[in-house]
Amino acid sequence: MLSNGSETLNTAYKVTGSVSNPDSAFKDASVFFNSQNAYTVIHEKEKGSYPINLEVQATSPTSAAPEEGLYTCSVILTATW
């Protein structure tokens, strides 16, 4: 969730690029950060880099427009092979 003091924006995420199971739509944070949600990088012999994109969609609560300001969050992605 993106936050600016007590103000928050709802977030959804999707991964695209060189993965075998790219997301076709944004996933709610509770689904995206679930331990069952994983991605497999498509490995190509002798290829040194793989574009993997993390997209974030932020939406304001339906009850009110958010205050102007800098909204931040931290995301840690781990890649293993």
N, C-alpha and C. Protein backbone atom coordinates (compact mmCIF):
# COMPACT_ATOMS: atom_id res chain seq x y z
N MET A 1 0.84 -1.17 0.00
CA MET A 1 0.00 0.00 0.00
C MET A 1 0.89 1.24 0.00
N LEU A 2 0.58 2.17 -0.85
CA LEU A 2 1.31 3.43 -0.87
C LEU A 2 0.77 4.33 0.23
N SER A 3 1.67 5.03 0.91
CA SER A 3 1.21 5.91 1.98
C SER A 3 1.94 7.23 1.98
N ASN A 4 1.25 8.23 2.51
CA ASN A 4 1.76 9.58 2.67
C ASN A 4 1.22 10.03 4.03
N GLY A 5 1.97 9.75 5.09
CA GLY A 5 1.44 10.01 6.43
C GLY A 5 0.28 9.07 6.68
N SER A 6 -0.88 9.63 7.02
CA SER A 6 -2.07 8.79 7.27
C SER A 6 -2.88 8.54 6.00
N GLU A 7 -2.51 9.19 4.90
CA GLU A 7 -3.20 8.99 3.62
C GLU A 7 -2.66 7.73 2.95
N THR A 8 -3.56 6.93 2.36
CA THR A 8 -3.11 5.71 1.68
C THR A 8 -3.78 5.58 0.32
N LEU A 9 -3.11 4.86 -0.55
CA LEU A 9 -3.66 4.47 -1.85
C LEU A 9 -3.63 2.95 -1.93
N ASN A 10 -4.67 2.36 -2.47
CA ASN A 10 -4.70 0.92 -2.67
C ASN A 10 -3.78 0.57 -3.83
N THR A 11 -3.10 -0.55 -3.74
CA THR A 11 -2.17 -0.93 -4.78
C THR A 11 -2.47 -2.33 -5.32
N ALA A 12 -2.16 -2.51 -6.58
CA ALA A 12 -2.25 -3.80 -7.25
C ALA A 12 -0.98 -3.93 -8.09
N TYR A 13 -0.58 -5.16 -8.37
CA TYR A 13 0.71 -5.41 -9.00
C TYR A 13 0.58 -6.43 -10.12
N LYS A 14 1.52 -6.37 -11.08
CA LYS A 14 1.65 -7.44 -12.07
C LYS A 14 3.08 -7.52 -12.55
N VAL A 15 3.48 -8.73 -12.91
CA VAL A 15 4.82 -9.00 -13.42
C VAL A 15 4.68 -9.44 -14.87
N THR A 16 5.51 -8.85 -15.73
CA THR A 16 5.55 -9.22 -17.14
C THR A 16 7.01 -9.34 -17.56
N GLY A 17 7.23 -9.76 -18.76
CA GLY A 17 8.59 -9.88 -19.27
C GLY A 17 8.98 -11.34 -19.46
N SER A 18 10.23 -11.65 -19.21
CA SER A 18 10.77 -12.98 -19.46
C SER A 18 10.44 -13.97 -18.35
N VAL A 19 9.15 -14.15 -18.09
CA VAL A 19 8.70 -15.14 -17.11
C VAL A 19 7.70 -16.06 -17.80
N SER A 20 7.64 -17.31 -17.34
CA SER A 20 6.79 -18.28 -18.01
C SER A 20 5.31 -18.07 -17.71
N ASN A 21 5.01 -17.31 -16.69
CA ASN A 21 3.61 -17.10 -16.29
C ASN A 21 3.33 -15.61 -16.04
N PRO A 22 3.51 -14.74 -17.05
CA PRO A 22 3.29 -13.32 -16.83
C PRO A 22 1.83 -13.03 -16.46
N ASP A 23 1.64 -12.00 -15.67
CA ASP A 23 0.27 -11.61 -15.30
C ASP A 23 -0.39 -10.88 -16.46
N SER A 24 -1.64 -11.21 -16.71
CA SER A 24 -2.40 -10.51 -17.76
C SER A 24 -3.19 -9.35 -17.18
N ALA A 25 -3.34 -9.34 -15.86
CA ALA A 25 -4.08 -8.27 -15.18
C ALA A 25 -3.41 -7.99 -13.85
N PHE A 26 -3.71 -6.84 -13.28
CA PHE A 26 -3.18 -6.49 -11.98
C PHE A 26 -3.78 -7.38 -10.91
N LYS A 27 -2.96 -7.75 -9.92
CA LYS A 27 -3.40 -8.56 -8.79
C LYS A 27 -3.43 -7.69 -7.54
N ASP A 28 -4.48 -7.83 -6.74
CA ASP A 28 -4.55 -7.14 -5.46
C ASP A 28 -3.32 -7.52 -4.63
N ALA A 29 -2.87 -6.60 -3.79
CA ALA A 29 -1.66 -6.85 -2.99
C ALA A 29 -1.77 -8.14 -2.18
N SER A 30 -2.94 -8.46 -1.65
CA SER A 30 -3.08 -9.66 -0.83
C SER A 30 -2.87 -10.93 -1.66
N VAL A 31 -3.15 -10.88 -2.95
CA VAL A 31 -2.92 -12.02 -3.84
C VAL A 31 -1.48 -12.01 -4.33
N PHE A 32 -0.98 -10.83 -4.73
CA PHE A 32 0.37 -10.73 -5.28
C PHE A 32 1.42 -11.15 -4.27
N PHE A 33 1.28 -10.73 -3.01
CA PHE A 33 2.28 -11.03 -1.99
C PHE A 33 2.00 -12.32 -1.23
N ASN A 34 1.14 -13.15 -1.75
CA ASN A 34 0.86 -14.46 -1.18
C ASN A 34 2.02 -15.40 -1.53
N SER A 35 2.40 -16.26 -0.59
CA SER A 35 3.53 -17.17 -0.83
C SER A 35 3.30 -18.12 -2.00
N GLN A 36 2.06 -18.33 -2.40
CA GLN A 36 1.76 -19.20 -3.54
C GLN A 36 1.97 -18.50 -4.88
N ASN A 37 2.14 -17.20 -4.88
CA ASN A 37 2.33 -16.44 -6.11
C ASN A 37 3.83 -16.39 -6.44
N ALA A 38 4.24 -17.08 -7.48
CA ALA A 38 5.66 -17.14 -7.86
C ALA A 38 5.78 -17.07 -9.38
N TYR A 39 6.95 -16.69 -9.84
CA TYR A 39 7.21 -16.54 -11.27
C TYR A 39 8.48 -17.31 -11.61
N THR A 40 8.52 -17.89 -12.81
CA THR A 40 9.68 -18.62 -13.28
C THR A 40 10.29 -17.87 -14.46
N VAL A 41 11.57 -17.50 -14.33
CA VAL A 41 12.26 -16.80 -15.41
C VAL A 41 12.51 -17.78 -16.55
N ILE A 42 12.23 -17.34 -17.76
CA ILE A 42 12.48 -18.16 -18.94
C ILE A 42 13.98 -18.09 -19.25
N HIS A 43 14.68 -19.21 -19.04
CA HIS A 43 16.12 -19.24 -19.24
C HIS A 43 16.46 -19.57 -20.68
N GLU A 44 17.37 -18.80 -21.25
CA GLU A 44 17.88 -19.07 -22.58
C GLU A 44 19.39 -19.19 -22.48
N LYS A 45 19.93 -20.30 -22.98
CA LYS A 45 21.37 -20.54 -22.89
C LYS A 45 22.16 -19.39 -23.51
N GLU A 46 23.19 -18.95 -22.80
CA GLU A 46 24.12 -17.90 -23.22
C GLU A 46 23.48 -16.51 -23.30
N LYS A 47 22.31 -16.34 -22.73
CA LYS A 47 21.71 -15.01 -22.67
C LYS A 47 22.03 -14.42 -21.30
N GLY A 48 22.55 -13.22 -21.27
CA GLY A 48 23.02 -12.65 -20.01
C GLY A 48 22.04 -11.80 -19.24
N SER A 49 20.95 -11.37 -19.86
CA SER A 49 20.01 -10.53 -19.13
C SER A 49 18.57 -10.87 -19.53
N TYR A 50 17.68 -10.64 -18.62
CA TYR A 50 16.27 -10.97 -18.82
C TYR A 50 15.42 -9.79 -18.35
N PRO A 51 14.64 -9.18 -19.23
CA PRO A 51 13.77 -8.09 -18.78
C PRO A 51 12.59 -8.65 -17.99
N ILE A 52 12.46 -8.19 -16.77
CA ILE A 52 11.33 -8.55 -15.91
C ILE A 52 10.77 -7.24 -15.37
N ASN A 53 9.49 -7.02 -15.60
CA ASN A 53 8.86 -5.75 -15.25
C ASN A 53 7.88 -5.92 -14.11
N LEU A 54 8.01 -5.07 -13.10
CA LEU A 54 7.04 -5.00 -12.02
C LEU A 54 6.24 -3.72 -12.22
N GLU A 55 4.94 -3.87 -12.46
CA GLU A 55 4.07 -2.71 -12.63
C GLU A 55 3.20 -2.56 -11.40
N VAL A 56 2.97 -1.31 -11.00
CA VAL A 56 2.16 -1.01 -9.82
C VAL A 56 1.02 -0.09 -10.23
N GLN A 57 -0.17 -0.44 -9.79
CA GLN A 57 -1.35 0.38 -10.06
C GLN A 57 -1.85 0.92 -8.72
N ALA A 58 -1.96 2.22 -8.60
CA ALA A 58 -2.44 2.84 -7.37
C ALA A 58 -3.81 3.47 -7.61
N THR A 59 -4.73 3.23 -6.69
CA THR A 59 -6.07 3.80 -6.78
C THR A 59 -6.44 4.41 -5.44
N SER A 60 -7.21 5.48 -5.51
CA SER A 60 -7.65 6.13 -4.28
C SER A 60 -8.89 5.44 -3.73
N PRO A 61 -9.10 5.56 -2.44
CA PRO A 61 -10.33 4.99 -1.86
C PRO A 61 -11.56 5.62 -2.51
N THR A 62 -12.63 4.87 -2.61
CA THR A 62 -13.84 5.38 -3.27
C THR A 62 -14.49 6.50 -2.48
N SER A 63 -14.20 6.61 -1.20
CA SER A 63 -14.86 7.60 -0.35
C SER A 63 -14.29 9.00 -0.47
N ALA A 64 -13.05 9.15 -0.94
CA ALA A 64 -12.44 10.49 -1.00
C ALA A 64 -11.22 10.50 -1.90
N ALA A 65 -10.94 11.67 -2.44
CA ALA A 65 -9.72 11.85 -3.23
C ALA A 65 -8.54 11.97 -2.27
N PRO A 66 -7.39 11.44 -2.66
CA PRO A 66 -6.23 11.51 -1.76
C PRO A 66 -5.65 12.92 -1.71
N GLU A 67 -4.95 13.19 -0.64
CA GLU A 67 -4.23 14.46 -0.51
C GLU A 67 -3.04 14.46 -1.46
N GLU A 68 -2.68 15.63 -1.95
CA GLU A 68 -1.50 15.77 -2.79
C GLU A 68 -0.26 15.47 -1.97
N GLY A 69 0.73 14.86 -2.57
CA GLY A 69 1.98 14.60 -1.87
C GLY A 69 2.73 13.42 -2.44
N LEU A 70 3.80 13.07 -1.80
CA LEU A 70 4.64 11.96 -2.21
C LEU A 70 4.19 10.70 -1.48
N TYR A 71 3.72 9.72 -2.23
CA TYR A 71 3.28 8.45 -1.67
C TYR A 71 4.38 7.42 -1.91
N THR A 72 4.76 6.69 -0.90
CA THR A 72 5.85 5.74 -1.02
C THR A 72 5.47 4.37 -0.47
N CYS A 73 6.20 3.36 -0.93
CA CYS A 73 6.10 2.01 -0.37
C CYS A 73 7.40 1.30 -0.68
N SER A 74 7.64 0.19 -0.01
CA SER A 74 8.84 -0.61 -0.26
C SER A 74 8.41 -2.00 -0.72
N VAL A 75 9.09 -2.47 -1.75
CA VAL A 75 8.83 -3.82 -2.27
C VAL A 75 10.18 -4.51 -2.42
N ILE A 76 10.27 -5.73 -1.90
CA ILE A 76 11.48 -6.53 -2.04
C ILE A 76 11.14 -7.75 -2.88
N LEU A 77 11.82 -7.91 -4.00
CA LEU A 77 11.64 -9.09 -4.85
C LEU A 77 12.89 -9.94 -4.75
N THR A 78 12.72 -11.24 -4.64
CA THR A 78 13.85 -12.15 -4.54
C THR A 78 13.88 -13.05 -5.75
N ALA A 79 15.02 -13.13 -6.38
CA ALA A 79 15.19 -14.03 -7.55
C ALA A 79 16.19 -15.11 -7.16
N THR A 80 15.82 -16.36 -7.43
CA THR A 80 16.73 -17.46 -7.15
C THR A 80 16.81 -18.39 -8.36
N TRP A 81 17.94 -19.05 -8.53
CA TRP A 81 18.09 -20.06 -9.57
C TRP A 81 19.25 -20.94 -9.24
